[in-house]
Amino acid sequence: YRKMHIPDDPHYYEKFYFTPGDTGFISVPTSRLQVGPLVCWDQWYPEAARLTSLAGAEVLFYPTAIGWLDGEEQLHAEQYESWDTMLKSHAIANGVFVVAVNRTGREGPLRFWGASVVYAPNGQRLAIASHDTPAVLVVDCELSQIEWSRTRWPFFRDRRIDAYAGLLARWGEA
């Protein structure tokens, strides 16, 4: 998998160094389940989560490095809350487990917010790591929850793919 969405915002000027991936959204088989790798900025796009889930992923896995500058505490709180909400919503909307692994510590003026997290398909937070201290989370994920969630919230079945042509337009063109 290659990172599909490349950020260009304060402190993350990756468009100057990287080009977007060209492999599409995939699901990787393991001995126990299908894993959907999505990297960092990809976690903000519901389309990426949906396409990876439709490719067969049972777990969306997001390695990331996201943080804030000192003195931006209010902005940090808002961004962190948004990040956590996005991850939870991907789990619910796609009936998958979501695992986000985030860096802790500092690099120059940037402080990473840590808080690696695991969500169940119903949106229940199963585990969360410290904001400041590196950690390893070991979480039992009951795979039957995937089918349970997808049966009771049949978002895949009931979606109106005939009505989504506007998703192919750029912002302001739909």
N, C-alpha and C. Protein backbone atom coordinates (compact mmCIF):
# COMPACT_ATOMS: atom_id res chain seq x y z
N TYR A 1 0.84 -1.18 0.00
CA TYR A 1 0.00 0.00 0.00
C TYR A 1 0.88 1.24 0.00
N ARG A 2 0.43 2.23 -0.71
CA ARG A 2 1.11 3.53 -0.73
C ARG A 2 0.13 4.62 -0.31
N LYS A 3 0.57 5.50 0.56
CA LYS A 3 -0.27 6.59 1.07
C LYS A 3 -0.92 7.35 -0.07
N MET A 4 -2.25 7.43 -0.04
CA MET A 4 -3.01 8.02 -1.14
C MET A 4 -3.18 9.53 -1.01
N HIS A 5 -3.35 10.03 0.19
CA HIS A 5 -3.60 11.45 0.41
C HIS A 5 -2.35 12.08 1.03
N ILE A 6 -1.84 13.11 0.39
CA ILE A 6 -0.61 13.75 0.84
C ILE A 6 -0.94 15.14 1.40
N PRO A 7 -0.60 15.41 2.66
CA PRO A 7 -0.95 16.70 3.25
C PRO A 7 -0.02 17.83 2.82
N ASP A 8 -0.56 19.01 2.88
CA ASP A 8 0.20 20.23 2.66
C ASP A 8 -0.42 21.29 3.57
N ASP A 9 -0.04 21.24 4.83
CA ASP A 9 -0.55 22.20 5.80
C ASP A 9 0.58 22.51 6.78
N PRO A 10 0.41 23.48 7.66
CA PRO A 10 1.50 23.85 8.56
C PRO A 10 2.13 22.64 9.24
N HIS A 11 3.42 22.52 9.09
CA HIS A 11 4.26 21.49 9.71
C HIS A 11 4.21 20.14 8.99
N TYR A 12 3.38 20.01 7.98
CA TYR A 12 3.30 18.77 7.21
C TYR A 12 3.28 19.12 5.72
N TYR A 13 4.42 19.50 5.18
CA TYR A 13 4.51 19.92 3.78
C TYR A 13 4.94 18.75 2.90
N GLU A 14 4.26 17.65 3.02
CA GLU A 14 4.67 16.43 2.34
C GLU A 14 4.52 16.49 0.83
N LYS A 15 3.66 17.37 0.30
CA LYS A 15 3.48 17.46 -1.16
C LYS A 15 4.76 17.89 -1.85
N PHE A 16 5.69 18.50 -1.11
CA PHE A 16 6.97 18.89 -1.68
C PHE A 16 7.92 17.70 -1.81
N TYR A 17 7.62 16.59 -1.12
CA TYR A 17 8.53 15.46 -1.06
C TYR A 17 7.96 14.15 -1.60
N PHE A 18 6.66 14.02 -1.59
CA PHE A 18 6.03 12.75 -1.95
C PHE A 18 4.97 12.94 -3.02
N THR A 19 4.69 11.87 -3.73
CA THR A 19 3.56 11.85 -4.66
C THR A 19 2.53 10.87 -4.10
N PRO A 20 1.26 11.07 -4.44
CA PRO A 20 0.23 10.16 -3.92
C PRO A 20 0.43 8.73 -4.42
N GLY A 21 -0.02 7.78 -3.63
CA GLY A 21 0.06 6.38 -4.02
C GLY A 21 -0.74 6.09 -5.27
N ASP A 22 -0.41 4.97 -5.90
CA ASP A 22 -1.06 4.59 -7.15
C ASP A 22 -1.59 3.16 -7.12
N THR A 23 -1.69 2.59 -5.92
CA THR A 23 -2.13 1.19 -5.82
C THR A 23 -3.60 1.06 -5.44
N GLY A 24 -4.27 2.16 -5.17
CA GLY A 24 -5.66 2.09 -4.74
C GLY A 24 -5.77 1.64 -3.30
N PHE A 25 -6.98 1.38 -2.89
CA PHE A 25 -7.26 0.98 -1.51
C PHE A 25 -7.38 -0.53 -1.46
N ILE A 26 -6.60 -1.15 -0.59
CA ILE A 26 -6.47 -2.60 -0.61
C ILE A 26 -6.78 -3.22 0.75
N SER A 27 -6.97 -4.51 0.73
CA SER A 27 -7.11 -5.31 1.93
C SER A 27 -6.06 -6.41 1.84
N VAL A 28 -5.30 -6.57 2.90
CA VAL A 28 -4.20 -7.53 2.91
C VAL A 28 -4.60 -8.73 3.77
N PRO A 29 -4.58 -9.94 3.18
CA PRO A 29 -4.94 -11.12 3.98
C PRO A 29 -3.82 -11.48 4.96
N THR A 30 -4.22 -11.83 6.18
CA THR A 30 -3.29 -12.38 7.16
C THR A 30 -3.81 -13.77 7.52
N SER A 31 -3.18 -14.43 8.46
CA SER A 31 -3.63 -15.78 8.83
C SER A 31 -4.99 -15.76 9.53
N ARG A 32 -5.42 -14.61 10.04
CA ARG A 32 -6.67 -14.56 10.80
C ARG A 32 -7.73 -13.63 10.25
N LEU A 33 -7.32 -12.58 9.56
CA LEU A 33 -8.29 -11.60 9.08
C LEU A 33 -7.68 -10.74 7.98
N GLN A 34 -8.52 -9.87 7.42
CA GLN A 34 -8.10 -8.96 6.36
C GLN A 34 -7.79 -7.60 6.99
N VAL A 35 -6.61 -7.07 6.69
CA VAL A 35 -6.17 -5.79 7.24
C VAL A 35 -6.13 -4.75 6.13
N GLY A 36 -6.71 -3.60 6.40
CA GLY A 36 -6.69 -2.49 5.45
C GLY A 36 -5.72 -1.42 5.90
N PRO A 37 -4.54 -1.35 5.27
CA PRO A 37 -3.57 -0.33 5.66
C PRO A 37 -3.92 1.02 5.04
N LEU A 38 -3.95 2.03 5.86
CA LEU A 38 -4.16 3.41 5.43
C LEU A 38 -3.20 4.26 6.25
N VAL A 39 -2.48 5.17 5.61
CA VAL A 39 -1.39 5.85 6.29
C VAL A 39 -1.74 7.31 6.61
N CYS A 40 -1.61 7.67 7.85
CA CYS A 40 -1.66 9.03 8.38
C CYS A 40 -2.80 9.88 7.82
N TRP A 41 -2.55 10.74 6.86
CA TRP A 41 -3.55 11.69 6.33
C TRP A 41 -4.73 10.96 5.72
N ASP A 42 -4.53 9.72 5.28
CA ASP A 42 -5.64 8.92 4.74
C ASP A 42 -6.78 8.75 5.76
N GLN A 43 -6.44 8.83 7.05
CA GLN A 43 -7.45 8.57 8.08
C GLN A 43 -8.55 9.62 8.14
N TRP A 44 -8.36 10.74 7.49
CA TRP A 44 -9.36 11.81 7.52
C TRP A 44 -10.39 11.67 6.42
N TYR A 45 -10.26 10.71 5.53
CA TYR A 45 -11.13 10.59 4.36
C TYR A 45 -12.08 9.41 4.51
N PRO A 46 -13.39 9.67 4.64
CA PRO A 46 -14.35 8.58 4.76
C PRO A 46 -14.36 7.68 3.53
N GLU A 47 -14.07 8.26 2.36
CA GLU A 47 -14.05 7.46 1.13
C GLU A 47 -12.95 6.40 1.19
N ALA A 48 -11.79 6.76 1.76
CA ALA A 48 -10.69 5.80 1.88
C ALA A 48 -11.08 4.64 2.80
N ALA A 49 -11.70 4.97 3.93
CA ALA A 49 -12.15 3.91 4.85
C ALA A 49 -13.18 3.02 4.19
N ARG A 50 -14.12 3.62 3.47
CA ARG A 50 -15.18 2.84 2.83
C ARG A 50 -14.61 1.93 1.74
N LEU A 51 -13.78 2.47 0.86
CA LEU A 51 -13.24 1.65 -0.23
C LEU A 51 -12.35 0.52 0.30
N THR A 52 -11.60 0.79 1.35
CA THR A 52 -10.76 -0.25 1.94
C THR A 52 -11.63 -1.32 2.58
N SER A 53 -12.69 -0.92 3.23
CA SER A 53 -13.62 -1.89 3.82
C SER A 53 -14.32 -2.70 2.74
N LEU A 54 -14.74 -2.04 1.67
CA LEU A 54 -15.37 -2.77 0.56
C LEU A 54 -14.41 -3.74 -0.11
N ALA A 55 -13.10 -3.46 0.00
CA ALA A 55 -12.09 -4.38 -0.55
C ALA A 55 -11.91 -5.60 0.33
N GLY A 56 -12.61 -5.63 1.47
CA GLY A 56 -12.57 -6.81 2.34
C GLY A 56 -11.94 -6.60 3.70
N ALA A 57 -11.44 -5.41 3.99
CA ALA A 57 -10.77 -5.18 5.27
C ALA A 57 -11.73 -5.39 6.44
N GLU A 58 -11.24 -6.04 7.46
CA GLU A 58 -11.98 -6.22 8.71
C GLU A 58 -11.39 -5.33 9.81
N VAL A 59 -10.17 -4.89 9.59
CA VAL A 59 -9.49 -3.95 10.47
C VAL A 59 -8.88 -2.86 9.60
N LEU A 60 -9.18 -1.60 9.92
CA LEU A 60 -8.49 -0.49 9.28
C LEU A 60 -7.33 -0.13 10.20
N PHE A 61 -6.13 -0.10 9.63
CA PHE A 61 -4.92 0.13 10.42
C PHE A 61 -4.27 1.42 9.95
N TYR A 62 -4.17 2.39 10.86
CA TYR A 62 -3.65 3.73 10.54
C TYR A 62 -2.37 4.04 11.32
N PRO A 63 -1.19 3.75 10.79
CA PRO A 63 0.01 4.31 11.41
C PRO A 63 0.06 5.80 11.10
N THR A 64 0.36 6.62 12.11
CA THR A 64 0.31 8.06 11.92
C THR A 64 1.29 8.78 12.83
N ALA A 65 1.54 10.02 12.50
CA ALA A 65 2.36 10.91 13.33
C ALA A 65 1.70 12.28 13.28
N ILE A 66 0.89 12.57 14.28
CA ILE A 66 0.13 13.82 14.29
C ILE A 66 0.27 14.49 15.65
N GLY A 67 0.41 15.80 15.61
CA GLY A 67 0.58 16.53 16.85
C GLY A 67 0.31 18.01 16.68
N TRP A 68 0.89 18.83 17.54
CA TRP A 68 0.62 20.27 17.55
C TRP A 68 1.83 21.01 18.11
N LEU A 69 1.80 22.33 17.98
CA LEU A 69 2.84 23.19 18.52
C LEU A 69 2.46 23.66 19.92
N ASP A 70 3.45 23.90 20.75
CA ASP A 70 3.19 24.49 22.06
C ASP A 70 2.48 25.83 21.86
N GLY A 71 1.58 26.14 22.77
CA GLY A 71 0.83 27.38 22.67
C GLY A 71 -0.45 27.26 21.86
N GLU A 72 -0.69 26.08 21.30
CA GLU A 72 -1.91 25.86 20.50
C GLU A 72 -2.84 24.88 21.22
N GLU A 73 -2.95 25.00 22.53
CA GLU A 73 -3.70 24.02 23.30
C GLU A 73 -5.17 23.94 22.89
N GLN A 74 -5.82 25.08 22.65
CA GLN A 74 -7.23 25.06 22.24
C GLN A 74 -7.38 24.37 20.89
N LEU A 75 -6.53 24.75 19.94
CA LEU A 75 -6.56 24.11 18.62
C LEU A 75 -6.28 22.62 18.77
N HIS A 76 -5.32 22.27 19.61
CA HIS A 76 -4.98 20.86 19.83
C HIS A 76 -6.19 20.09 20.32
N ALA A 77 -6.88 20.63 21.32
CA ALA A 77 -8.05 19.93 21.87
C ALA A 77 -9.11 19.71 20.80
N GLU A 78 -9.34 20.71 19.97
CA GLU A 78 -10.34 20.58 18.89
C GLU A 78 -9.90 19.56 17.85
N GLN A 79 -8.64 19.61 17.44
CA GLN A 79 -8.15 18.67 16.43
C GLN A 79 -8.14 17.25 16.96
N TYR A 80 -7.71 17.08 18.20
CA TYR A 80 -7.70 15.73 18.78
C TYR A 80 -9.11 15.16 18.83
N GLU A 81 -10.06 15.95 19.27
CA GLU A 81 -11.46 15.49 19.34
C GLU A 81 -11.97 15.11 17.96
N SER A 82 -11.64 15.89 16.95
CA SER A 82 -12.04 15.58 15.57
C SER A 82 -11.40 14.28 15.10
N TRP A 83 -10.12 14.09 15.39
CA TRP A 83 -9.41 12.88 15.00
C TRP A 83 -10.08 11.66 15.62
N ASP A 84 -10.33 11.73 16.92
CA ASP A 84 -10.95 10.61 17.61
C ASP A 84 -12.34 10.31 17.05
N THR A 85 -13.09 11.35 16.75
CA THR A 85 -14.43 11.18 16.18
C THR A 85 -14.37 10.53 14.80
N MET A 86 -13.42 10.93 13.97
CA MET A 86 -13.27 10.33 12.64
C MET A 86 -12.99 8.83 12.75
N LEU A 87 -12.07 8.47 13.63
CA LEU A 87 -11.73 7.05 13.77
C LEU A 87 -12.93 6.24 14.23
N LYS A 88 -13.63 6.74 15.23
CA LYS A 88 -14.83 6.05 15.72
C LYS A 88 -15.87 5.93 14.62
N SER A 89 -16.07 6.99 13.85
CA SER A 89 -17.08 6.95 12.79
C SER A 89 -16.71 5.98 11.69
N HIS A 90 -15.41 5.84 11.38
CA HIS A 90 -15.00 4.84 10.38
C HIS A 90 -15.37 3.44 10.85
N ALA A 91 -15.18 3.16 12.13
CA ALA A 91 -15.52 1.85 12.68
C ALA A 91 -17.02 1.58 12.52
N ILE A 92 -17.84 2.54 12.91
CA ILE A 92 -19.29 2.36 12.86
C ILE A 92 -19.79 2.27 11.42
N ALA A 93 -19.39 3.22 10.59
CA ALA A 93 -19.91 3.30 9.22
C ALA A 93 -19.54 2.11 8.36
N ASN A 94 -18.43 1.43 8.71
CA ASN A 94 -17.95 0.33 7.89
C ASN A 94 -18.02 -1.03 8.58
N GLY A 95 -18.42 -1.06 9.83
CA GLY A 95 -18.51 -2.32 10.55
C GLY A 95 -17.17 -3.02 10.66
N VAL A 96 -16.13 -2.25 11.01
CA VAL A 96 -14.77 -2.78 11.10
C VAL A 96 -14.14 -2.35 12.42
N PHE A 97 -13.07 -3.04 12.79
CA PHE A 97 -12.23 -2.56 13.87
C PHE A 97 -11.34 -1.48 13.29
N VAL A 98 -11.01 -0.50 14.09
CA VAL A 98 -10.10 0.57 13.69
C VAL A 98 -8.96 0.62 14.70
N VAL A 99 -7.74 0.58 14.18
CA VAL A 99 -6.55 0.69 15.01
C VAL A 99 -5.73 1.87 14.49
N ALA A 100 -5.54 2.86 15.34
CA ALA A 100 -4.71 4.02 14.98
C ALA A 100 -3.52 4.06 15.91
N VAL A 101 -2.34 4.03 15.33
CA VAL A 101 -1.10 4.03 16.09
C VAL A 101 -0.45 5.39 15.87
N ASN A 102 -0.36 6.18 16.94
CA ASN A 102 0.20 7.52 16.82
C ASN A 102 1.45 7.67 17.68
N ARG A 103 2.32 8.46 17.20
CA ARG A 103 3.60 8.73 17.82
C ARG A 103 3.43 9.59 19.08
N THR A 104 4.37 9.44 20.02
CA THR A 104 4.44 10.32 21.18
C THR A 104 5.78 11.06 21.14
N GLY A 105 5.93 12.03 22.01
CA GLY A 105 7.20 12.73 22.12
C GLY A 105 7.25 14.00 21.29
N ARG A 106 8.47 14.49 21.08
CA ARG A 106 8.68 15.76 20.39
C ARG A 106 9.64 15.58 19.21
N GLU A 107 9.47 16.44 18.24
CA GLU A 107 10.43 16.59 17.16
C GLU A 107 10.47 18.08 16.82
N GLY A 108 11.56 18.74 17.23
CA GLY A 108 11.63 20.18 17.07
C GLY A 108 10.49 20.83 17.84
N PRO A 109 9.77 21.74 17.19
CA PRO A 109 8.68 22.44 17.89
C PRO A 109 7.38 21.63 17.96
N LEU A 110 7.35 20.47 17.34
CA LEU A 110 6.12 19.69 17.25
C LEU A 110 6.04 18.66 18.37
N ARG A 111 4.91 18.63 19.07
CA ARG A 111 4.64 17.65 20.12
C ARG A 111 3.57 16.70 19.62
N PHE A 112 3.89 15.42 19.52
CA PHE A 112 2.93 14.43 19.02
C PHE A 112 1.98 14.04 20.15
N TRP A 113 0.71 13.85 19.80
CA TRP A 113 -0.29 13.66 20.85
C TRP A 113 -0.53 12.21 21.24
N GLY A 114 0.18 11.26 20.66
CA GLY A 114 0.04 9.88 21.11
C GLY A 114 -1.39 9.38 21.04
N ALA A 115 -1.86 8.80 22.13
CA ALA A 115 -3.25 8.33 22.24
C ALA A 115 -3.62 7.30 21.18
N SER A 116 -2.70 6.38 20.89
CA SER A 116 -3.04 5.27 20.00
C SER A 116 -4.32 4.64 20.53
N VAL A 117 -5.18 4.16 19.61
CA VAL A 117 -6.52 3.76 20.03
C VAL A 117 -7.03 2.59 19.20
N VAL A 118 -7.93 1.81 19.78
CA VAL A 118 -8.60 0.71 19.08
C VAL A 118 -10.10 0.87 19.28
N TYR A 119 -10.85 0.83 18.16
CA TYR A 119 -12.31 0.89 18.20
C TYR A 119 -12.90 -0.40 17.64
N ALA A 120 -14.01 -0.83 18.24
CA ALA A 120 -14.78 -1.97 17.76
C ALA A 120 -15.74 -1.51 16.66
N PRO A 121 -16.30 -2.44 15.89
CA PRO A 121 -17.24 -2.08 14.82
C PRO A 121 -18.47 -1.31 15.28
N ASN A 122 -18.83 -1.42 16.54
CA ASN A 122 -19.98 -0.67 17.06
C ASN A 122 -19.59 0.70 17.61
N GLY A 123 -18.32 1.06 17.49
CA GLY A 123 -17.85 2.35 17.96
C GLY A 123 -17.33 2.36 19.38
N GLN A 124 -17.38 1.22 20.05
CA GLN A 124 -16.87 1.14 21.42
C GLN A 124 -15.35 1.27 21.40
N ARG A 125 -14.83 2.13 22.24
CA ARG A 125 -13.38 2.25 22.37
C ARG A 125 -12.90 1.09 23.23
N LEU A 126 -12.05 0.25 22.66
CA LEU A 126 -11.56 -0.93 23.37
C LEU A 126 -10.29 -0.64 24.17
N ALA A 127 -9.49 0.31 23.70
CA ALA A 127 -8.24 0.64 24.39
C ALA A 127 -7.74 1.98 23.88
N ILE A 128 -7.04 2.68 24.76
CA ILE A 128 -6.38 3.93 24.37
C ILE A 128 -5.08 4.03 25.15
N ALA A 129 -4.04 4.48 24.47
CA ALA A 129 -2.73 4.65 25.10
C ALA A 129 -2.59 6.08 25.64
N SER A 130 -1.54 6.29 26.36
CA SER A 130 -1.24 7.60 26.93
C SER A 130 -0.97 8.63 25.83
N HIS A 131 -1.23 9.88 26.14
CA HIS A 131 -0.88 10.97 25.22
C HIS A 131 0.63 11.22 25.22
N ASP A 132 1.31 10.89 26.31
CA ASP A 132 2.69 11.31 26.48
C ASP A 132 3.72 10.19 26.55
N THR A 133 3.30 8.99 26.92
CA THR A 133 4.24 7.90 27.16
C THR A 133 4.09 6.83 26.09
N PRO A 134 5.19 6.40 25.48
CA PRO A 134 5.08 5.29 24.52
C PRO A 134 4.48 4.06 25.19
N ALA A 135 3.69 3.31 24.43
CA ALA A 135 3.02 2.14 24.99
C ALA A 135 2.79 1.10 23.90
N VAL A 136 2.57 -0.12 24.34
CA VAL A 136 2.15 -1.20 23.46
C VAL A 136 0.78 -1.64 23.98
N LEU A 137 -0.21 -1.59 23.10
CA LEU A 137 -1.56 -2.04 23.46
C LEU A 137 -1.76 -3.46 22.94
N VAL A 138 -2.26 -4.34 23.77
CA VAL A 138 -2.64 -5.68 23.36
C VAL A 138 -4.15 -5.77 23.60
N VAL A 139 -4.90 -5.96 22.51
CA VAL A 139 -6.35 -5.90 22.59
C VAL A 139 -6.95 -7.13 21.93
N ASP A 140 -7.84 -7.81 22.63
CA ASP A 140 -8.59 -8.92 22.04
C ASP A 140 -9.75 -8.34 21.25
N CYS A 141 -9.81 -8.68 19.97
CA CYS A 141 -10.88 -8.21 19.10
C CYS A 141 -11.74 -9.40 18.71
N GLU A 142 -12.97 -9.41 19.15
CA GLU A 142 -13.90 -10.49 18.84
C GLU A 142 -14.41 -10.29 17.41
N LEU A 143 -13.89 -11.08 16.47
CA LEU A 143 -14.19 -10.88 15.05
C LEU A 143 -15.66 -11.07 14.71
N SER A 144 -16.40 -11.79 15.54
CA SER A 144 -17.83 -11.95 15.27
C SER A 144 -18.57 -10.61 15.37
N GLN A 145 -17.98 -9.63 16.02
CA GLN A 145 -18.60 -8.30 16.11
C GLN A 145 -18.73 -7.64 14.74
N ILE A 146 -17.88 -8.01 13.81
CA ILE A 146 -17.95 -7.42 12.47
C ILE A 146 -19.27 -7.80 11.81
N GLU A 147 -19.55 -9.09 11.76
CA GLU A 147 -20.79 -9.55 11.14
C GLU A 147 -22.00 -9.05 11.92
N TRP A 148 -21.92 -9.05 13.24
CA TRP A 148 -23.01 -8.56 14.07
C TRP A 148 -23.34 -7.11 13.71
N SER A 149 -22.32 -6.27 13.64
CA SER A 149 -22.53 -4.85 13.32
C SER A 149 -23.04 -4.67 11.90
N ARG A 150 -22.47 -5.39 10.96
CA ARG A 150 -22.88 -5.23 9.56
C ARG A 150 -24.30 -5.75 9.32
N THR A 151 -24.75 -6.69 10.14
CA THR A 151 -26.12 -7.20 10.02
C THR A 151 -27.12 -6.22 10.62
N ARG A 152 -26.79 -5.66 11.76
CA ARG A 152 -27.72 -4.76 12.45
C ARG A 152 -27.69 -3.34 11.89
N TRP A 153 -26.56 -2.92 11.38
CA TRP A 153 -26.43 -1.62 10.70
C TRP A 153 -25.97 -1.91 9.27
N PRO A 154 -26.87 -2.28 8.40
CA PRO A 154 -26.49 -2.74 7.05
C PRO A 154 -26.16 -1.60 6.08
N PHE A 155 -25.18 -0.80 6.45
CA PHE A 155 -24.82 0.35 5.62
C PHE A 155 -24.32 -0.07 4.24
N PHE A 156 -23.59 -1.17 4.15
CA PHE A 156 -23.11 -1.63 2.84
C PHE A 156 -24.30 -2.03 1.96
N ARG A 157 -25.23 -2.75 2.52
CA ARG A 157 -26.38 -3.22 1.76
C ARG A 157 -27.26 -2.07 1.28
N ASP A 158 -27.50 -1.10 2.14
CA ASP A 158 -28.49 -0.06 1.85
C ASP A 158 -27.94 1.19 1.18
N ARG A 159 -26.66 1.23 0.92
CA ARG A 159 -26.12 2.45 0.30
C ARG A 159 -26.62 2.59 -1.13
N ARG A 160 -26.78 3.82 -1.56
CA ARG A 160 -27.35 4.14 -2.86
C ARG A 160 -26.22 4.51 -3.83
N ILE A 161 -25.52 3.51 -4.35
CA ILE A 161 -24.39 3.79 -5.23
C ILE A 161 -24.81 4.55 -6.48
N ASP A 162 -26.07 4.45 -6.86
CA ASP A 162 -26.56 5.19 -8.02
C ASP A 162 -26.65 6.69 -7.74
N ALA A 163 -26.58 7.10 -6.50
CA ALA A 163 -26.73 8.51 -6.13
C ALA A 163 -25.40 9.19 -5.80
N TYR A 164 -24.29 8.49 -5.96
CA TYR A 164 -23.01 9.02 -5.49
C TYR A 164 -22.11 9.58 -6.58
N ALA A 165 -22.61 9.81 -7.76
CA ALA A 165 -21.76 10.33 -8.85
C ALA A 165 -21.07 11.63 -8.45
N GLY A 166 -21.71 12.43 -7.63
CA GLY A 166 -21.12 13.69 -7.19
C GLY A 166 -19.82 13.53 -6.44
N LEU A 167 -19.55 12.35 -5.90
CA LEU A 167 -18.29 12.12 -5.21
C LEU A 167 -17.10 12.18 -6.16
N LEU A 168 -17.35 12.02 -7.45
CA LEU A 168 -16.27 12.05 -8.43
C LEU A 168 -15.91 13.47 -8.86
N ALA A 169 -16.68 14.45 -8.43
CA ALA A 169 -16.42 15.84 -8.80
C ALA A 169 -15.50 16.50 -7.76
N ARG A 170 -14.74 17.48 -8.21
CA ARG A 170 -13.94 18.28 -7.30
C ARG A 170 -14.85 19.18 -6.49
N TRP A 171 -14.36 19.67 -5.37
CA TRP A 171 -15.13 20.54 -4.49
C TRP A 171 -15.62 21.76 -5.27
N GLY A 172 -16.90 22.05 -5.14
CA GLY A 172 -17.49 23.19 -5.82
C GLY A 172 -18.01 22.89 -7.21
N GLU A 173 -17.76 21.67 -7.72
CA GLU A 173 -18.19 21.31 -9.07
C GLU A 173 -19.40 20.39 -9.08
N ALA A 174 -19.75 19.82 -7.95
CA ALA A 174 -20.84 18.82 -7.91
C ALA A 174 -22.19 19.47 -8.13
